[in-house]
Amino acid sequence: MAFQFTDANFQKEALESNIPVLVDFYADWCGPCKMIAPIVAELADEYEGVFKIGKINIDQESATAEKYRVMSIPTLIIFKNGVPVDTVVGAVPKKALLDKLEAHK
């Protein structure tokens, strides 16, 4: 199951994580976000212990989205050692996300 990030826990749970992190910036009203949500959930299960994979709702947690200049959703950002190392914008096939994750293991 995908982790739920918030503005309050983002520093500790994402930036200070000892494993790479994939954050899905989404909103409940976003159609493409709904399309990619099951893929993110599957990846969270498949990569448990290798990546921390989770979501952050940009309507409820806008400060983090603003900090990382998220202009379109879904935006997925991979963080490694607290630094954004890769970004995917839009609903993409699972294979595209798998390739990104594998590149940053």
PDB file of N, CA and C in Angstrom:
ATOM      1  N   MET A   1       0.839  -1.185   0.000  1.00  0.00           N
ATOM      2  CA  MET A   1       0.000   0.000   0.000  1.00  0.00           C
ATOM      3  C   MET A   1       0.887   1.252   0.000  1.00  0.00           C
ATOM      4  N   ALA A   2       0.491   2.224  -0.765  1.00  0.00           N
ATOM      5  CA  ALA A   2       1.265   3.458  -0.891  1.00  0.00           C
ATOM      6  C   ALA A   2       1.200   4.266   0.402  1.00  0.00           C
ATOM      7  N   PHE A   3       2.330   4.833   0.784  1.00  0.00           N
ATOM      8  CA  PHE A   3       2.446   5.662   1.974  1.00  0.00           C
ATOM      9  C   PHE A   3       1.742   6.985   1.724  1.00  0.00           C
ATOM     10  N   GLN A   4       1.171   7.597   2.762  1.00  0.00           N
ATOM     11  CA  GLN A   4       0.530   8.900   2.608  1.00  0.00           C
ATOM     12  C   GLN A   4       1.444   9.983   3.168  1.00  0.00           C
ATOM     13  N   PHE A   5       2.034  10.763   2.264  1.00  0.00           N
ATOM     14  CA  PHE A   5       2.879  11.878   2.676  1.00  0.00           C
ATOM     15  C   PHE A   5       2.013  13.094   2.979  1.00  0.00           C
ATOM     16  N   THR A   6       2.504  13.953   3.870  1.00  0.00           N
ATOM     17  CA  THR A   6       1.851  15.226   4.187  1.00  0.00           C
ATOM     18  C   THR A   6       2.939  16.297   4.251  1.00  0.00           C
ATOM     19  N   ASP A   7       2.511  17.555   4.288  1.00  0.00           N
ATOM     20  CA  ASP A   7       3.485  18.631   4.471  1.00  0.00           C
ATOM     21  C   ASP A   7       4.239  18.420   5.789  1.00  0.00           C
ATOM     22  N   ALA A   8       3.526  17.949   6.813  1.00  0.00           N
ATOM     23  CA  ALA A   8       4.117  17.789   8.140  1.00  0.00           C
ATOM     24  C   ALA A   8       5.142  16.660   8.208  1.00  0.00           C
ATOM     25  N   ASN A   9       4.913  15.567   7.475  1.00  0.00           N
ATOM     26  CA  ASN A   9       5.832  14.417   7.590  1.00  0.00           C
ATOM     27  C   ASN A   9       6.819  14.309   6.427  1.00  0.00           C
ATOM     28  N   PHE A  10       6.747  15.208   5.461  1.00  0.00           N
ATOM     29  CA  PHE A  10       7.551  15.064   4.244  1.00  0.00           C
ATOM     30  C   PHE A  10       9.053  15.077   4.520  1.00  0.00           C
ATOM     31  N   GLN A  11       9.495  15.987   5.367  1.00  0.00           N
ATOM     32  CA  GLN A  11      10.929  16.069   5.689  1.00  0.00           C
ATOM     33  C   GLN A  11      11.431  14.732   6.230  1.00  0.00           C
ATOM     34  N   LYS A  12      10.758  14.225   7.241  1.00  0.00           N
ATOM     35  CA  LYS A  12      11.202  12.993   7.896  1.00  0.00           C
ATOM     36  C   LYS A  12      11.020  11.770   6.995  1.00  0.00           C
ATOM     37  N   GLU A  13       9.835  11.624   6.411  1.00  0.00           N
ATOM     38  CA  GLU A  13       9.492  10.392   5.698  1.00  0.00           C
ATOM     39  C   GLU A  13      10.058  10.325   4.282  1.00  0.00           C
ATOM     40  N   ALA A  14      10.224  11.455   3.630  1.00  0.00           N
ATOM     41  CA  ALA A  14      10.727  11.447   2.250  1.00  0.00           C
ATOM     42  C   ALA A  14      12.190  11.881   2.187  1.00  0.00           C
ATOM     43  N   LEU A  15      12.467  13.060   2.693  1.00  0.00           N
ATOM     44  CA  LEU A  15      13.806  13.616   2.521  1.00  0.00           C
ATOM     45  C   LEU A  15      14.857  12.947   3.398  1.00  0.00           C
ATOM     46  N   GLU A  16      14.455  12.441   4.562  1.00  0.00           N
ATOM     47  CA  GLU A  16      15.402  11.787   5.458  1.00  0.00           C
ATOM     48  C   GLU A  16      15.345  10.263   5.369  1.00  0.00           C
ATOM     49  N   SER A  17      14.632   9.738   4.384  1.00  0.00           N
ATOM     50  CA  SER A  17      14.519   8.291   4.215  1.00  0.00           C
ATOM     51  C   SER A  17      15.875   7.679   3.872  1.00  0.00           C
ATOM     52  N   ASN A  18      16.135   6.486   4.419  1.00  0.00           N
ATOM     53  CA  ASN A  18      17.405   5.813   4.127  1.00  0.00           C
ATOM     54  C   ASN A  18      17.330   4.974   2.849  1.00  0.00           C
ATOM     55  N   ILE A  19      16.178   4.959   2.207  1.00  0.00           N
ATOM     56  CA  ILE A  19      16.025   4.313   0.894  1.00  0.00           C
ATOM     57  C   ILE A  19      15.431   5.342  -0.070  1.00  0.00           C
ATOM     58  N   PRO A  20      15.597   5.147  -1.383  1.00  0.00           N
ATOM     59  CA  PRO A  20      15.002   6.092  -2.344  1.00  0.00           C
ATOM     60  C   PRO A  20      13.482   6.166  -2.183  1.00  0.00           C
ATOM     61  N   VAL A  21      12.922   7.291  -2.564  1.00  0.00           N
ATOM     62  CA  VAL A  21      11.497   7.563  -2.373  1.00  0.00           C
ATOM     63  C   VAL A  21      10.870   7.996  -3.698  1.00  0.00           C
ATOM     64  N   LEU A  22       9.691   7.452  -4.003  1.00  0.00           N
ATOM     65  CA  LEU A  22       8.889   7.903  -5.147  1.00  0.00           C
ATOM     66  C   LEU A  22       7.639   8.560  -4.581  1.00  0.00           C
ATOM     67  N   VAL A  23       7.438   9.833  -4.910  1.00  0.00           N
ATOM     68  CA  VAL A  23       6.281  10.577  -4.421  1.00  0.00           C
ATOM     69  C   VAL A  23       5.370  10.911  -5.597  1.00  0.00           C
ATOM     70  N   ASP A  24       4.107  10.506  -5.464  1.00  0.00           N
ATOM     71  CA  ASP A  24       3.078  10.799  -6.460  1.00  0.00           C
ATOM     72  C   ASP A  24       2.294  12.015  -5.978  1.00  0.00           C
ATOM     73  N   PHE A  25       2.472  13.160  -6.648  1.00  0.00           N
ATOM     74  CA  PHE A  25       1.711  14.369  -6.352  1.00  0.00           C
ATOM     75  C   PHE A  25       0.402  14.269  -7.134  1.00  0.00           C
ATOM     76  N   TYR A  26      -0.737  14.275  -6.419  1.00  0.00           N
ATOM     77  CA  TYR A  26      -2.026  14.017  -7.066  1.00  0.00           C
ATOM     78  C   TYR A  26      -3.126  14.879  -6.456  1.00  0.00           C
ATOM     79  N   ALA A  27      -4.315  14.800  -7.058  1.00  0.00           N
ATOM     80  CA  ALA A  27      -5.531  15.394  -6.488  1.00  0.00           C
ATOM     81  C   ALA A  27      -6.681  14.431  -6.746  1.00  0.00           C
ATOM     82  N   ASP A  28      -7.661  14.432  -5.847  1.00  0.00           N
ATOM     83  CA  ASP A  28      -8.793  13.506  -5.971  1.00  0.00           C
ATOM     84  C   ASP A  28      -9.609  13.732  -7.235  1.00  0.00           C
ATOM     85  N   TRP A  29      -9.654  14.964  -7.740  1.00  0.00           N
ATOM     86  CA  TRP A  29     -10.477  15.294  -8.907  1.00  0.00           C
ATOM     87  C   TRP A  29      -9.771  15.018 -10.236  1.00  0.00           C
ATOM     88  N   CYS A  30      -8.518  14.605 -10.192  1.00  0.00           N
ATOM     89  CA  CYS A  30      -7.683  14.467 -11.393  1.00  0.00           C
ATOM     90  C   CYS A  30      -7.855  13.095 -12.048  1.00  0.00           C
ATOM     91  N   GLY A  31      -8.384  13.086 -13.270  1.00  0.00           N
ATOM     92  CA  GLY A  31      -8.596  11.830 -13.996  1.00  0.00           C
ATOM     93  C   GLY A  31      -7.320  11.030 -14.230  1.00  0.00           C
ATOM     94  N   PRO A  32      -6.274  11.636 -14.796  1.00  0.00           N
ATOM     95  CA  PRO A  32      -5.026  10.896 -15.004  1.00  0.00           C
ATOM     96  C   PRO A  32      -4.420  10.379 -13.688  1.00  0.00           C
ATOM     97  N   CYS A  33      -4.647  11.118 -12.592  1.00  0.00           N
ATOM     98  CA  CYS A  33      -4.148  10.655 -11.284  1.00  0.00           C
ATOM     99  C   CYS A  33      -4.847   9.360 -10.888  1.00  0.00           C
ATOM    100  N   LYS A  34      -6.141   9.292 -11.157  1.00  0.00           N
ATOM    101  CA  LYS A  34      -6.908   8.075 -10.845  1.00  0.00           C
ATOM    102  C   LYS A  34      -6.427   6.909 -11.712  1.00  0.00           C
ATOM    103  N   MET A  35      -6.019   7.211 -12.943  1.00  0.00           N
ATOM    104  CA  MET A  35      -5.530   6.156 -13.838  1.00  0.00           C
ATOM    105  C   MET A  35      -4.214   5.563 -13.336  1.00  0.00           C
ATOM    106  N   ILE A  36      -3.343   6.391 -12.799  1.00  0.00           N
ATOM    107  CA  ILE A  36      -2.023   5.930 -12.387  1.00  0.00           C
ATOM    108  C   ILE A  36      -2.020   5.397 -10.944  1.00  0.00           C
ATOM    109  N   ALA A  37      -3.033   5.710 -10.157  1.00  0.00           N
ATOM    110  CA  ALA A  37      -3.081   5.310  -8.742  1.00  0.00           C
ATOM    111  C   ALA A  37      -2.900   3.801  -8.527  1.00  0.00           C
ATOM    112  N   PRO A  38      -3.580   2.933  -9.304  1.00  0.00           N
ATOM    113  CA  PRO A  38      -3.373   1.498  -9.085  1.00  0.00           C
ATOM    114  C   PRO A  38      -1.943   1.045  -9.389  1.00  0.00           C
ATOM    115  N   ILE A  39      -1.304   1.698 -10.343  1.00  0.00           N
ATOM    116  CA  ILE A  39       0.090   1.366 -10.681  1.00  0.00           C
ATOM    117  C   ILE A  39       1.006   1.742  -9.518  1.00  0.00           C
ATOM    118  N   VAL A  40       0.787   2.925  -8.952  1.00  0.00           N
ATOM    119  CA  VAL A  40       1.588   3.370  -7.811  1.00  0.00           C
ATOM    120  C   VAL A  40       1.394   2.411  -6.633  1.00  0.00           C
ATOM    121  N   ALA A  41       0.165   1.982  -6.408  1.00  0.00           N
ATOM    122  CA  ALA A  41      -0.115   1.034  -5.312  1.00  0.00           C
ATOM    123  C   ALA A  41       0.602  -0.301  -5.546  1.00  0.00           C
ATOM    124  N   GLU A  42       0.573  -0.799  -6.779  1.00  0.00           N
ATOM    125  CA  GLU A  42       1.265  -2.052  -7.109  1.00  0.00           C
ATOM    126  C   GLU A  42       2.767  -1.917  -6.884  1.00  0.00           C
ATOM    127  N   LEU A  43       3.339  -0.816  -7.347  1.00  0.00           N
ATOM    128  CA  LEU A  43       4.778  -0.599  -7.190  1.00  0.00           C
ATOM    129  C   LEU A  43       5.156  -0.489  -5.713  1.00  0.00           C
ATOM    130  N   ALA A  44       4.287   0.119  -4.909  1.00  0.00           N
ATOM    131  CA  ALA A  44       4.553   0.234  -3.466  1.00  0.00           C
ATOM    132  C   ALA A  44       4.699  -1.149  -2.850  1.00  0.00           C
ATOM    133  N   ASP A  45       3.845  -2.086  -3.269  1.00  0.00           N
ATOM    134  CA  ASP A  45       3.930  -3.467  -2.763  1.00  0.00           C
ATOM    135  C   ASP A  45       5.160  -4.185  -3.319  1.00  0.00           C
ATOM    136  N   GLU A  46       5.396  -4.032  -4.612  1.00  0.00           N
ATOM    137  CA  GLU A  46       6.487  -4.751  -5.270  1.00  0.00           C
ATOM    138  C   GLU A  46       7.873  -4.271  -4.815  1.00  0.00           C
ATOM    139  N   TYR A  47       7.998  -2.996  -4.476  1.00  0.00           N
ATOM    140  CA  TYR A  47       9.298  -2.430  -4.110  1.00  0.00           C
ATOM    141  C   TYR A  47       9.423  -2.152  -2.609  1.00  0.00           C
ATOM    142  N   GLU A  48       8.541  -2.747  -1.812  1.00  0.00           N
ATOM    143  CA  GLU A  48       8.592  -2.535  -0.365  1.00  0.00           C
ATOM    144  C   GLU A  48       9.983  -2.887   0.162  1.00  0.00           C
ATOM    145  N   GLY A  49      10.559  -1.986   0.926  1.00  0.00           N
ATOM    146  CA  GLY A  49      11.889  -2.195   1.479  1.00  0.00           C
ATOM    147  C   GLY A  49      13.015  -1.741   0.565  1.00  0.00           C
ATOM    148  N   VAL A  50      12.703  -1.532  -0.723  1.00  0.00           N
ATOM    149  CA  VAL A  50      13.701  -1.066  -1.692  1.00  0.00           C
ATOM    150  C   VAL A  50      13.491   0.427  -1.961  1.00  0.00           C
ATOM    151  N   PHE A  51      12.225   0.816  -2.126  1.00  0.00           N
ATOM    152  CA  PHE A  51      11.796   2.205  -2.297  1.00  0.00           C
ATOM    153  C   PHE A  51      10.665   2.467  -1.325  1.00  0.00           C
ATOM    154  N   LYS A  52      10.577   3.689  -0.836  1.00  0.00           N
ATOM    155  CA  LYS A  52       9.368   4.112  -0.133  1.00  0.00           C
ATOM    156  C   LYS A  52       8.528   4.798  -1.201  1.00  0.00           C
ATOM    157  N   ILE A  53       7.348   4.285  -1.443  1.00  0.00           N
ATOM    158  CA  ILE A  53       6.487   4.815  -2.499  1.00  0.00           C
ATOM    159  C   ILE A  53       5.196   5.303  -1.874  1.00  0.00           C
ATOM    160  N   GLY A  54       4.855   6.552  -2.177  1.00  0.00           N
ATOM    161  CA  GLY A  54       3.649   7.106  -1.605  1.00  0.00           C
ATOM    162  C   GLY A  54       3.093   8.264  -2.394  1.00  0.00           C
ATOM    163  N   LYS A  55       2.031   8.845  -1.830  1.00  0.00           N
ATOM    164  CA  LYS A  55       1.283   9.885  -2.511  1.00  0.00           C
ATOM    165  C   LYS A  55       1.157  11.096  -1.599  1.00  0.00           C
ATOM    166  N   ILE A  56       0.982  12.259  -2.225  1.00  0.00           N
ATOM    167  CA  ILE A  56       0.684  13.473  -1.472  1.00  0.00           C
ATOM    168  C   ILE A  56      -0.378  14.253  -2.243  1.00  0.00           C
ATOM    169  N   ASN A  57      -1.457  14.573  -1.556  1.00  0.00           N
ATOM    170  CA  ASN A  57      -2.581  15.289  -2.155  1.00  0.00           C
ATOM    171  C   ASN A  57      -2.243  16.780  -2.203  1.00  0.00           C
ATOM    172  N   ILE A  58      -2.134  17.323  -3.411  1.00  0.00           N
ATOM    173  CA  ILE A  58      -1.693  18.715  -3.558  1.00  0.00           C
ATOM    174  C   ILE A  58      -2.740  19.726  -3.094  1.00  0.00           C
ATOM    175  N   ASP A  59      -4.006  19.327  -3.035  1.00  0.00           N
ATOM    176  CA  ASP A  59      -5.040  20.242  -2.557  1.00  0.00           C
ATOM    177  C   ASP A  59      -4.977  20.383  -1.034  1.00  0.00           C
ATOM    178  N   GLN A  60      -4.659  19.298  -0.360  1.00  0.00           N
ATOM    179  CA  GLN A  60      -4.600  19.315   1.106  1.00  0.00           C
ATOM    180  C   GLN A  60      -3.205  19.666   1.620  1.00  0.00           C
ATOM    181  N   GLU A  61      -2.178  19.379   0.835  1.00  0.00           N
ATOM    182  CA  GLU A  61      -0.782  19.558   1.257  1.00  0.00           C
ATOM    183  C   GLU A  61      -0.050  20.398   0.210  1.00  0.00           C
ATOM    184  N   SER A  62      -0.471  21.633   0.060  1.00  0.00           N
ATOM    185  CA  SER A  62       0.019  22.461  -1.054  1.00  0.00           C
ATOM    186  C   SER A  62       1.449  22.970  -0.870  1.00  0.00           C
ATOM    187  N   ALA A  63       1.928  23.096   0.355  1.00  0.00           N
ATOM    188  CA  ALA A  63       3.264  23.662   0.573  1.00  0.00           C
ATOM    189  C   ALA A  63       4.346  22.810  -0.084  1.00  0.00           C
ATOM    190  N   THR A  64       4.235  21.505   0.042  1.00  0.00           N
ATOM    191  CA  THR A  64       5.247  20.621  -0.552  1.00  0.00           C
ATOM    192  C   THR A  64       5.181  20.689  -2.076  1.00  0.00           C
ATOM    193  N   ALA A  65       3.977  20.701  -2.627  1.00  0.00           N
ATOM    194  CA  ALA A  65       3.822  20.809  -4.079  1.00  0.00           C
ATOM    195  C   ALA A  65       4.420  22.119  -4.589  1.00  0.00           C
ATOM    196  N   GLU A  66       4.211  23.198  -3.862  1.00  0.00           N
ATOM    197  CA  GLU A  66       4.768  24.493  -4.263  1.00  0.00           C
ATOM    198  C   GLU A  66       6.296  24.470  -4.182  1.00  0.00           C
ATOM    199  N   LYS A  67       6.825  23.865  -3.132  1.00  0.00           N
ATOM    200  CA  LYS A  67       8.282  23.820  -2.953  1.00  0.00           C
ATOM    201  C   LYS A  67       8.966  23.130  -4.133  1.00  0.00           C
ATOM    202  N   TYR A  68       8.333  22.070  -4.650  1.00  0.00           N
ATOM    203  CA  TYR A  68       8.929  21.317  -5.762  1.00  0.00           C
ATOM    204  C   TYR A  68       8.353  21.729  -7.119  1.00  0.00           C
ATOM    205  N   ARG A  69       7.677  22.868  -7.143  1.00  0.00           N
ATOM    206  CA  ARG A  69       7.157  23.481  -8.371  1.00  0.00           C
ATOM    207  C   ARG A  69       6.315  22.510  -9.210  1.00  0.00           C
ATOM    208  N   VAL A  70       5.426  21.796  -8.534  1.00  0.00           N
ATOM    209  CA  VAL A  70       4.527  20.881  -9.232  1.00  0.00           C
ATOM    210  C   VAL A  70       3.446  21.711  -9.902  1.00  0.00           C
ATOM    211  N   MET A  71       3.472  21.727 -11.241  1.00  0.00           N
ATOM    212  CA  MET A  71       2.534  22.550 -12.017  1.00  0.00           C
ATOM    213  C   MET A  71       1.446  21.715 -12.681  1.00  0.00           C
ATOM    214  N   SER A  72       1.743  20.455 -12.958  1.00  0.00           N
ATOM    215  CA  SER A  72       0.792  19.550 -13.589  1.00  0.00           C
ATOM    216  C   SER A  72       0.724  18.283 -12.741  1.00  0.00           C
ATOM    217  N   ILE A  73      -0.434  17.663 -12.737  1.00  0.00           N
ATOM    218  CA  ILE A  73      -0.556  16.401 -12.007  1.00  0.00           C
ATOM    219  C   ILE A  73      -1.144  15.343 -12.924  1.00  0.00           C
ATOM    220  N   PRO A  74      -0.806  14.097 -12.726  1.00  0.00           N
ATOM    221  CA  PRO A  74       0.125  13.643 -11.704  1.00  0.00           C
ATOM    222  C   PRO A  74       1.572  13.990 -12.052  1.00  0.00           C
ATOM    223  N   THR A  75       2.334  14.340 -11.028  1.00  0.00           N
ATOM    224  CA  THR A  75       3.782  14.475 -11.131  1.00  0.00           C
ATOM    225  C   THR A  75       4.372  13.500 -10.133  1.00  0.00           C
ATOM    226  N   LEU A  76       5.297  12.674 -10.591  1.00  0.00           N
ATOM    227  CA  LEU A  76       5.966  11.717  -9.712  1.00  0.00           C
ATOM    228  C   LEU A  76       7.438  12.098  -9.644  1.00  0.00           C
ATOM    229  N   ILE A  77       7.940  12.277  -8.435  1.00  0.00           N
ATOM    230  CA  ILE A  77       9.327  12.669  -8.239  1.00  0.00           C
ATOM    231  C   ILE A  77      10.044  11.592  -7.434  1.00  0.00           C
ATOM    232  N   ILE A  78      11.216  11.195  -7.913  1.00  0.00           N
ATOM    233  CA  ILE A  78      12.058  10.249  -7.180  1.00  0.00           C
ATOM    234  C   ILE A  78      13.092  11.059  -6.406  1.00  0.00           C
ATOM    235  N   PHE A  79      13.157  10.795  -5.097  1.00  0.00           N
ATOM    236  CA  PHE A  79      14.128  11.440  -4.211  1.00  0.00           C
ATOM    237  C   PHE A  79      15.142  10.400  -3.764  1.00  0.00           C
ATOM    238  N   LYS A  80      16.396  10.794  -3.761  1.00  0.00           N
ATOM    239  CA  LYS A  80      17.468   9.938  -3.271  1.00  0.00           C
ATOM    240  C   LYS A  80      18.345  10.796  -2.370  1.00  0.00           C
ATOM    241  N   ASN A  81      18.533  10.356  -1.133  1.00  0.00           N
ATOM    242  CA  ASN A  81      19.304  11.135  -0.161  1.00  0.00           C
ATOM    243  C   ASN A  81      18.764  12.558  -0.014  1.00  0.00           C
ATOM    244  N   GLY A  82      17.443  12.696  -0.063  1.00  0.00           N
ATOM    245  CA  GLY A  82      16.801  13.983   0.141  1.00  0.00           C
ATOM    246  C   GLY A  82      16.797  14.917  -1.040  1.00  0.00           C
ATOM    247  N   VAL A  83      17.281  14.440  -2.185  1.00  0.00           N
ATOM    248  CA  VAL A  83      17.386  15.286  -3.370  1.00  0.00           C
ATOM    249  C   VAL A  83      16.532  14.709  -4.501  1.00  0.00           C
ATOM    250  N   PRO A  84      15.751  15.548  -5.198  1.00  0.00           N
ATOM    251  CA  PRO A  84      15.009  15.039  -6.358  1.00  0.00           C
ATOM    252  C   PRO A  84      15.985  14.640  -7.466  1.00  0.00           C
ATOM    253  N   VAL A  85      15.876  13.392  -7.940  1.00  0.00           N
ATOM    254  CA  VAL A  85      16.800  12.908  -8.970  1.00  0.00           C
ATOM    255  C   VAL A  85      16.108  12.592 -10.294  1.00  0.00           C
ATOM    256  N   ASP A  86      14.783  12.495 -10.291  1.00  0.00           N
ATOM    257  CA  ASP A  86      14.062  12.195 -11.533  1.00  0.00           C
ATOM    258  C   ASP A  86      12.609  12.607 -11.370  1.00  0.00           C
ATOM    259  N   THR A  87      11.976  12.961 -12.480  1.00  0.00           N
ATOM    260  CA  THR A  87      10.581  13.395 -12.461  1.00  0.00           C
ATOM    261  C   THR A  87       9.841  12.797 -13.653  1.00  0.00           C
ATOM    262  N   VAL A  88       8.607  12.388 -13.406  1.00  0.00           N
ATOM    263  CA  VAL A  88       7.711  11.928 -14.463  1.00  0.00           C
ATOM    264  C   VAL A  88       6.437  12.753 -14.341  1.00  0.00           C
ATOM    265  N   VAL A  89       6.007  13.352 -15.451  1.00  0.00           N
ATOM    266  CA  VAL A  89       4.775  14.146 -15.441  1.00  0.00           C
ATOM    267  C   VAL A  89       3.749  13.460 -16.327  1.00  0.00           C
ATOM    268  N   GLY A  90       2.556  13.277 -15.779  1.00  0.00           N
ATOM    269  CA  GLY A  90       1.468  12.663 -16.529  1.00  0.00           C
ATOM    270  C   GLY A  90       1.321  11.183 -16.230  1.00  0.00           C
ATOM    271  N   ALA A  91       0.199  10.641 -16.668  1.00  0.00           N
ATOM    272  CA  ALA A  91      -0.073   9.217 -16.487  1.00  0.00           C
ATOM    273  C   ALA A  91       0.747   8.448 -17.517  1.00  0.00           C
ATOM    274  N   VAL A  92       1.620   7.593 -17.036  1.00  0.00           N
ATOM    275  CA  VAL A  92       2.488   6.811 -17.913  1.00  0.00           C
ATOM    276  C   VAL A  92       2.260   5.327 -17.642  1.00  0.00           C
ATOM    277  N   PRO A  93       2.646   4.473 -18.586  1.00  0.00           N
ATOM    278  CA  PRO A  93       2.502   3.030 -18.356  1.00  0.00           C
ATOM    279  C   PRO A  93       3.404   2.555 -17.213  1.00  0.00           C
ATOM    280  N   LYS A  94       3.036   1.442 -16.616  1.00  0.00           N
ATOM    281  CA  LYS A  94       3.811   0.877 -15.508  1.00  0.00           C
ATOM    282  C   LYS A  94       5.266   0.660 -15.907  1.00  0.00           C
ATOM    283  N   LYS A  95       5.503   0.220 -17.121  1.00  0.00           N
ATOM    284  CA  LYS A  95       6.866  -0.045 -17.590  1.00  0.00           C
ATOM    285  C   LYS A  95       7.729   1.211 -17.494  1.00  0.00           C
ATOM    286  N   ALA A  96       7.171   2.361 -17.816  1.00  0.00           N
ATOM    287  CA  ALA A  96       7.929   3.612 -17.751  1.00  0.00           C
ATOM    288  C   ALA A  96       8.359   3.912 -16.315  1.00  0.00           C
ATOM    289  N   LEU A  97       7.469   3.678 -15.360  1.00  0.00           N
ATOM    290  CA  LEU A  97       7.818   3.906 -13.960  1.00  0.00           C
ATOM    291  C   LEU A  97       8.815   2.860 -13.466  1.00  0.00           C
ATOM    292  N   LEU A  98       8.636   1.624 -13.906  1.00  0.00           N
ATOM    293  CA  LEU A  98       9.588   0.572 -13.532  1.00  0.00           C
ATOM    294  C   LEU A  98      10.996   0.925 -13.995  1.00  0.00           C
ATOM    295  N   ASP A  99      11.110   1.409 -15.220  1.00  0.00           N
ATOM    296  CA  ASP A  99      12.415   1.789 -15.761  1.00  0.00           C
ATOM    297  C   ASP A  99      13.055   2.894 -14.920  1.00  0.00           C
ATOM    298  N   LYS A 100      12.251   3.879 -14.509  1.00  0.00           N
ATOM    299  CA  LYS A 100      12.766   4.972 -13.679  1.00  0.00           C
ATOM    300  C   LYS A 100      13.237   4.445 -12.326  1.00  0.00           C
ATOM    301  N   LEU A 101      12.426   3.578 -11.705  1.00  0.00           N
ATOM    302  CA  LEU A 101      12.791   3.037 -10.404  1.00  0.00           C
ATOM    303  C   LEU A 101      14.080   2.219 -10.493  1.00  0.00           C
ATOM    304  N   GLU A 102      14.158   1.380 -11.496  1.00  0.00           N
ATOM    305  CA  GLU A 102      15.346   0.535 -11.660  1.00  0.00           C
ATOM    306  C   GLU A 102      16.614   1.375 -11.860  1.00  0.00           C
ATOM    307  N   ALA A 103      16.477   2.516 -12.514  1.00  0.00           N
ATOM    308  CA  ALA A 103      17.623   3.382 -12.758  1.00  0.00           C
ATOM    309  C   ALA A 103      18.137   4.039 -11.477  1.00  0.00           C
ATOM    310  N   HIS A 104      17.291   4.075 -10.435  1.00  0.00           N
ATOM    311  CA  HIS A 104      17.682   4.776  -9.212  1.00  0.00           C
ATOM    312  C   HIS A 104      17.737   3.884  -7.982  1.00  0.00           C
ATOM    313  N   LYS A 105      17.811   2.592  -8.177  1.00  0.00           N
ATOM    314  CA  LYS A 105      17.902   1.653  -7.042  1.00  0.00           C
ATOM    315  C   LYS A 105      19.140   1.903  -6.231  1.00  0.00           C
TER     316      LYS A 105
END
